[in-house]
Amino acid sequence: MKPLVSAFNAWTCIAISLFAIVILSVIGSMFANGHHSLMGSDEDPEDGGKVAAAVFGAVGVYGVFLLFCGCQAFVHRRQSRQGEIALR
């Protein structure tokens, strides 16, 4: 199998996805619980549950990115270890 992205891009995507999953999970849980720093003002959203659902949807998208880039990094690592034969 040939990788679609470079090894650097795959590992960068993994790092960014992990960071986004952690940060967005914290923000989503704060909206879900109605934390006063996010829901205490008049300009804040009325329904924190709907906002939390949207944020957790973004967490799912980043989870898919993490899975894809993890597979790409695995393919790069396998190629570098086994010396894949290239037919020209």
N, C-alpha and C. Protein backbone atom coordinates (compact mmCIF):
# COMPACT_ATOMS: atom_id res chain seq x y z
N MET A 1 0.84 -1.17 0.00
CA MET A 1 0.00 0.00 0.00
C MET A 1 0.89 1.24 0.00
N LYS A 2 0.52 2.19 -0.81
CA LYS A 2 1.29 3.43 -0.91
C LYS A 2 0.63 4.52 -0.06
N PRO A 3 1.41 5.25 0.74
CA PRO A 3 0.81 6.30 1.57
C PRO A 3 0.33 7.48 0.72
N LEU A 4 -0.71 8.13 1.20
CA LEU A 4 -1.28 9.27 0.49
C LEU A 4 -0.65 10.59 0.91
N VAL A 5 -0.16 10.68 2.13
CA VAL A 5 0.48 11.89 2.63
C VAL A 5 1.88 11.55 3.13
N SER A 6 2.72 12.57 3.27
CA SER A 6 4.08 12.33 3.74
C SER A 6 4.07 11.96 5.23
N ALA A 7 5.19 11.42 5.67
CA ALA A 7 5.30 11.01 7.07
C ALA A 7 5.21 12.23 7.99
N PHE A 8 5.83 13.35 7.60
CA PHE A 8 5.76 14.56 8.42
C PHE A 8 4.32 15.05 8.55
N ASN A 9 3.58 15.06 7.45
CA ASN A 9 2.19 15.49 7.50
C ASN A 9 1.33 14.55 8.34
N ALA A 10 1.61 13.26 8.26
CA ALA A 10 0.84 12.29 9.05
C ALA A 10 1.07 12.51 10.54
N TRP A 11 2.33 12.68 10.95
CA TRP A 11 2.62 12.87 12.38
C TRP A 11 2.13 14.24 12.87
N THR A 12 2.18 15.24 12.01
CA THR A 12 1.64 16.56 12.38
C THR A 12 0.14 16.48 12.58
N CYS A 13 -0.55 15.77 11.70
CA CYS A 13 -1.99 15.60 11.82
C CYS A 13 -2.35 14.83 13.09
N ILE A 14 -1.55 13.85 13.45
CA ILE A 14 -1.79 13.10 14.68
C ILE A 14 -1.68 14.02 15.89
N ALA A 15 -0.64 14.84 15.93
CA ALA A 15 -0.45 15.74 17.08
C ALA A 15 -1.57 16.77 17.18
N ILE A 16 -1.93 17.37 16.05
CA ILE A 16 -2.99 18.37 16.05
C ILE A 16 -4.33 17.73 16.42
N SER A 17 -4.60 16.54 15.91
CA SER A 17 -5.86 15.87 16.21
C SER A 17 -5.96 15.51 17.68
N LEU A 18 -4.89 15.01 18.26
CA LEU A 18 -4.92 14.68 19.70
C LEU A 18 -5.16 15.93 20.54
N PHE A 19 -4.47 17.02 20.19
CA PHE A 19 -4.66 18.28 20.92
C PHE A 19 -6.10 18.76 20.79
N ALA A 20 -6.64 18.73 19.57
CA ALA A 20 -8.01 19.20 19.35
C ALA A 20 -9.03 18.34 20.07
N ILE A 21 -8.82 17.04 20.09
CA ILE A 21 -9.76 16.14 20.77
C ILE A 21 -9.80 16.45 22.27
N VAL A 22 -8.64 16.65 22.86
CA VAL A 22 -8.60 16.94 24.29
C VAL A 22 -9.26 18.28 24.58
N ILE A 23 -8.87 19.32 23.86
CA ILE A 23 -9.39 20.67 24.13
C ILE A 23 -10.89 20.73 23.86
N LEU A 24 -11.34 20.20 22.72
CA LEU A 24 -12.76 20.25 22.39
C LEU A 24 -13.60 19.39 23.33
N SER A 25 -13.05 18.29 23.82
CA SER A 25 -13.78 17.47 24.79
C SER A 25 -14.01 18.24 26.08
N VAL A 26 -13.01 18.98 26.52
CA VAL A 26 -13.16 19.79 27.73
C VAL A 26 -14.21 20.88 27.51
N ILE A 27 -14.13 21.57 26.37
CA ILE A 27 -15.09 22.64 26.07
C ILE A 27 -16.50 22.06 25.94
N GLY A 28 -16.63 20.93 25.26
CA GLY A 28 -17.94 20.30 25.11
C GLY A 28 -18.54 19.87 26.43
N SER A 29 -17.71 19.33 27.31
CA SER A 29 -18.23 18.92 28.62
C SER A 29 -18.62 20.12 29.46
N MET A 30 -17.91 21.23 29.30
CA MET A 30 -18.29 22.45 30.02
C MET A 30 -19.63 22.98 29.53
N PHE A 31 -19.87 22.94 28.23
CA PHE A 31 -21.17 23.36 27.70
C PHE A 31 -22.26 22.39 28.14
N ALA A 32 -21.97 21.10 28.14
CA ALA A 32 -22.97 20.11 28.51
C ALA A 32 -23.39 20.26 29.98
N ASN A 33 -22.45 20.65 30.83
CA ASN A 33 -22.75 20.81 32.25
C ASN A 33 -23.21 22.21 32.61
N GLY A 34 -23.26 23.11 31.62
CA GLY A 34 -23.71 24.47 31.89
C GLY A 34 -22.76 25.27 32.76
N HIS A 35 -21.48 25.11 32.52
CA HIS A 35 -20.46 25.80 33.32
C HIS A 35 -20.66 27.31 33.24
N HIS A 36 -20.54 27.99 34.37
CA HIS A 36 -20.87 29.42 34.44
C HIS A 36 -19.96 30.29 33.58
N SER A 37 -18.73 29.87 33.32
CA SER A 37 -17.84 30.70 32.51
C SER A 37 -18.25 30.69 31.03
N LEU A 38 -18.99 29.67 30.61
CA LEU A 38 -19.44 29.61 29.21
C LEU A 38 -20.92 29.92 29.05
N MET A 39 -21.69 29.80 30.10
CA MET A 39 -23.14 29.97 29.99
C MET A 39 -23.69 31.08 30.89
N GLY A 40 -22.83 31.87 31.52
CA GLY A 40 -23.30 32.81 32.53
C GLY A 40 -23.69 34.18 32.02
N SER A 41 -23.41 34.52 30.79
CA SER A 41 -23.69 35.87 30.28
C SER A 41 -24.97 35.90 29.47
N ASP A 42 -25.48 37.11 29.22
CA ASP A 42 -26.68 37.26 28.40
C ASP A 42 -26.41 36.96 26.93
N GLU A 43 -25.16 37.12 26.49
CA GLU A 43 -24.81 36.91 25.09
C GLU A 43 -24.46 35.45 24.79
N ASP A 44 -24.41 34.61 25.78
CA ASP A 44 -24.06 33.21 25.59
C ASP A 44 -25.26 32.43 25.05
N PRO A 45 -25.01 31.25 24.47
CA PRO A 45 -26.12 30.45 23.92
C PRO A 45 -27.10 30.02 25.02
N GLU A 46 -28.35 29.85 24.61
CA GLU A 46 -29.40 29.44 25.55
C GLU A 46 -29.31 27.97 25.91
N ASP A 47 -29.09 27.12 24.90
CA ASP A 47 -29.11 25.68 25.11
C ASP A 47 -27.68 25.12 25.00
N GLY A 48 -27.06 24.87 26.13
CA GLY A 48 -25.70 24.35 26.14
C GLY A 48 -25.60 22.94 25.59
N GLY A 49 -26.69 22.18 25.68
CA GLY A 49 -26.67 20.80 25.17
C GLY A 49 -26.50 20.75 23.66
N LYS A 50 -27.16 21.68 22.95
CA LYS A 50 -27.01 21.70 21.49
C LYS A 50 -25.61 22.13 21.08
N VAL A 51 -25.06 23.09 21.81
CA VAL A 51 -23.69 23.52 21.53
C VAL A 51 -22.72 22.37 21.83
N ALA A 52 -22.95 21.67 22.91
CA ALA A 52 -22.10 20.54 23.27
C ALA A 52 -22.17 19.45 22.20
N ALA A 53 -23.36 19.21 21.65
CA ALA A 53 -23.49 18.20 20.59
C ALA A 53 -22.70 18.60 19.35
N ALA A 54 -22.72 19.89 19.01
CA ALA A 54 -21.94 20.35 17.86
C ALA A 54 -20.44 20.22 18.12
N VAL A 55 -20.02 20.54 19.33
CA VAL A 55 -18.60 20.43 19.67
C VAL A 55 -18.17 18.97 19.67
N PHE A 56 -19.01 18.09 20.20
CA PHE A 56 -18.67 16.66 20.17
C PHE A 56 -18.70 16.10 18.75
N GLY A 57 -19.49 16.69 17.86
CA GLY A 57 -19.43 16.32 16.44
C GLY A 57 -18.06 16.65 15.86
N ALA A 58 -17.52 17.81 16.23
CA ALA A 58 -16.17 18.18 15.79
C ALA A 58 -15.12 17.23 16.37
N VAL A 59 -15.34 16.77 17.60
CA VAL A 59 -14.44 15.78 18.19
C VAL A 59 -14.46 14.49 17.36
N GLY A 60 -15.63 14.11 16.88
CA GLY A 60 -15.73 12.93 16.03
C GLY A 60 -14.98 13.10 14.71
N VAL A 61 -15.07 14.29 14.13
CA VAL A 61 -14.33 14.56 12.88
C VAL A 61 -12.83 14.47 13.12
N TYR A 62 -12.37 15.05 14.22
CA TYR A 62 -10.95 14.95 14.54
C TYR A 62 -10.56 13.50 14.86
N GLY A 63 -11.48 12.71 15.39
CA GLY A 63 -11.20 11.30 15.61
C GLY A 63 -10.99 10.55 14.30
N VAL A 64 -11.78 10.91 13.28
CA VAL A 64 -11.59 10.31 11.96
C VAL A 64 -10.25 10.73 11.38
N PHE A 65 -9.88 12.03 11.53
CA PHE A 65 -8.56 12.49 11.07
C PHE A 65 -7.46 11.71 11.77
N LEU A 66 -7.61 11.50 13.08
CA LEU A 66 -6.61 10.77 13.85
C LEU A 66 -6.47 9.34 13.34
N LEU A 67 -7.57 8.70 13.06
CA LEU A 67 -7.54 7.33 12.54
C LEU A 67 -6.86 7.27 11.18
N PHE A 68 -7.22 8.19 10.28
CA PHE A 68 -6.62 8.21 8.95
C PHE A 68 -5.13 8.47 9.02
N CYS A 69 -4.74 9.48 9.77
CA CYS A 69 -3.32 9.83 9.84
C CYS A 69 -2.52 8.78 10.60
N GLY A 70 -3.14 8.13 11.57
CA GLY A 70 -2.47 7.03 12.24
C GLY A 70 -2.19 5.88 11.30
N CYS A 71 -3.15 5.59 10.42
CA CYS A 71 -2.93 4.55 9.40
C CYS A 71 -1.82 4.95 8.44
N GLN A 72 -1.79 6.22 8.06
CA GLN A 72 -0.73 6.70 7.16
C GLN A 72 0.64 6.60 7.83
N ALA A 73 0.73 6.96 9.09
CA ALA A 73 2.00 6.86 9.81
C ALA A 73 2.43 5.40 9.93
N PHE A 74 1.47 4.50 10.15
CA PHE A 74 1.77 3.07 10.21
C PHE A 74 2.32 2.57 8.88
N VAL A 75 1.73 3.01 7.78
CA VAL A 75 2.20 2.60 6.45
C VAL A 75 3.63 3.11 6.22
N HIS A 76 3.91 4.35 6.60
CA HIS A 76 5.27 4.89 6.46
C HIS A 76 6.26 4.10 7.30
N ARG A 77 5.87 3.78 8.52
CA ARG A 77 6.78 3.04 9.39
C ARG A 77 7.03 1.63 8.85
N ARG A 78 5.99 1.00 8.33
CA ARG A 78 6.14 -0.34 7.77
C ARG A 78 7.04 -0.32 6.54
N GLN A 79 6.88 0.70 5.69
CA GLN A 79 7.72 0.80 4.50
C GLN A 79 9.18 1.01 4.87
N SER A 80 9.45 1.84 5.86
CA SER A 80 10.84 2.13 6.22
C SER A 80 11.50 0.93 6.89
N ARG A 81 10.73 0.10 7.59
CA ARG A 81 11.30 -1.04 8.28
C ARG A 81 11.56 -2.21 7.34
N GLN A 82 10.63 -2.50 6.46
CA GLN A 82 10.74 -3.71 5.65
C GLN A 82 11.35 -3.46 4.29
N GLY A 83 11.56 -2.23 3.92
CA GLY A 83 12.15 -1.96 2.61
C GLY A 83 11.26 -2.48 1.50
N GLU A 84 10.08 -1.90 1.37
CA GLU A 84 9.11 -2.37 0.38
C GLU A 84 9.71 -2.36 -1.02
N ILE A 85 9.41 -3.38 -1.78
CA ILE A 85 9.93 -3.52 -3.14
C ILE A 85 9.10 -2.64 -4.07
N ALA A 86 9.79 -1.82 -4.84
CA ALA A 86 9.10 -0.93 -5.79
C ALA A 86 9.29 -1.48 -7.19
N LEU A 87 8.21 -1.75 -7.89
CA LEU A 87 8.29 -2.20 -9.27
C LEU A 87 8.27 -0.99 -10.18
N ARG A 88 9.25 -0.91 -11.05
CA ARG A 88 9.33 0.26 -11.94
C ARG A 88 9.10 -0.13 -13.36
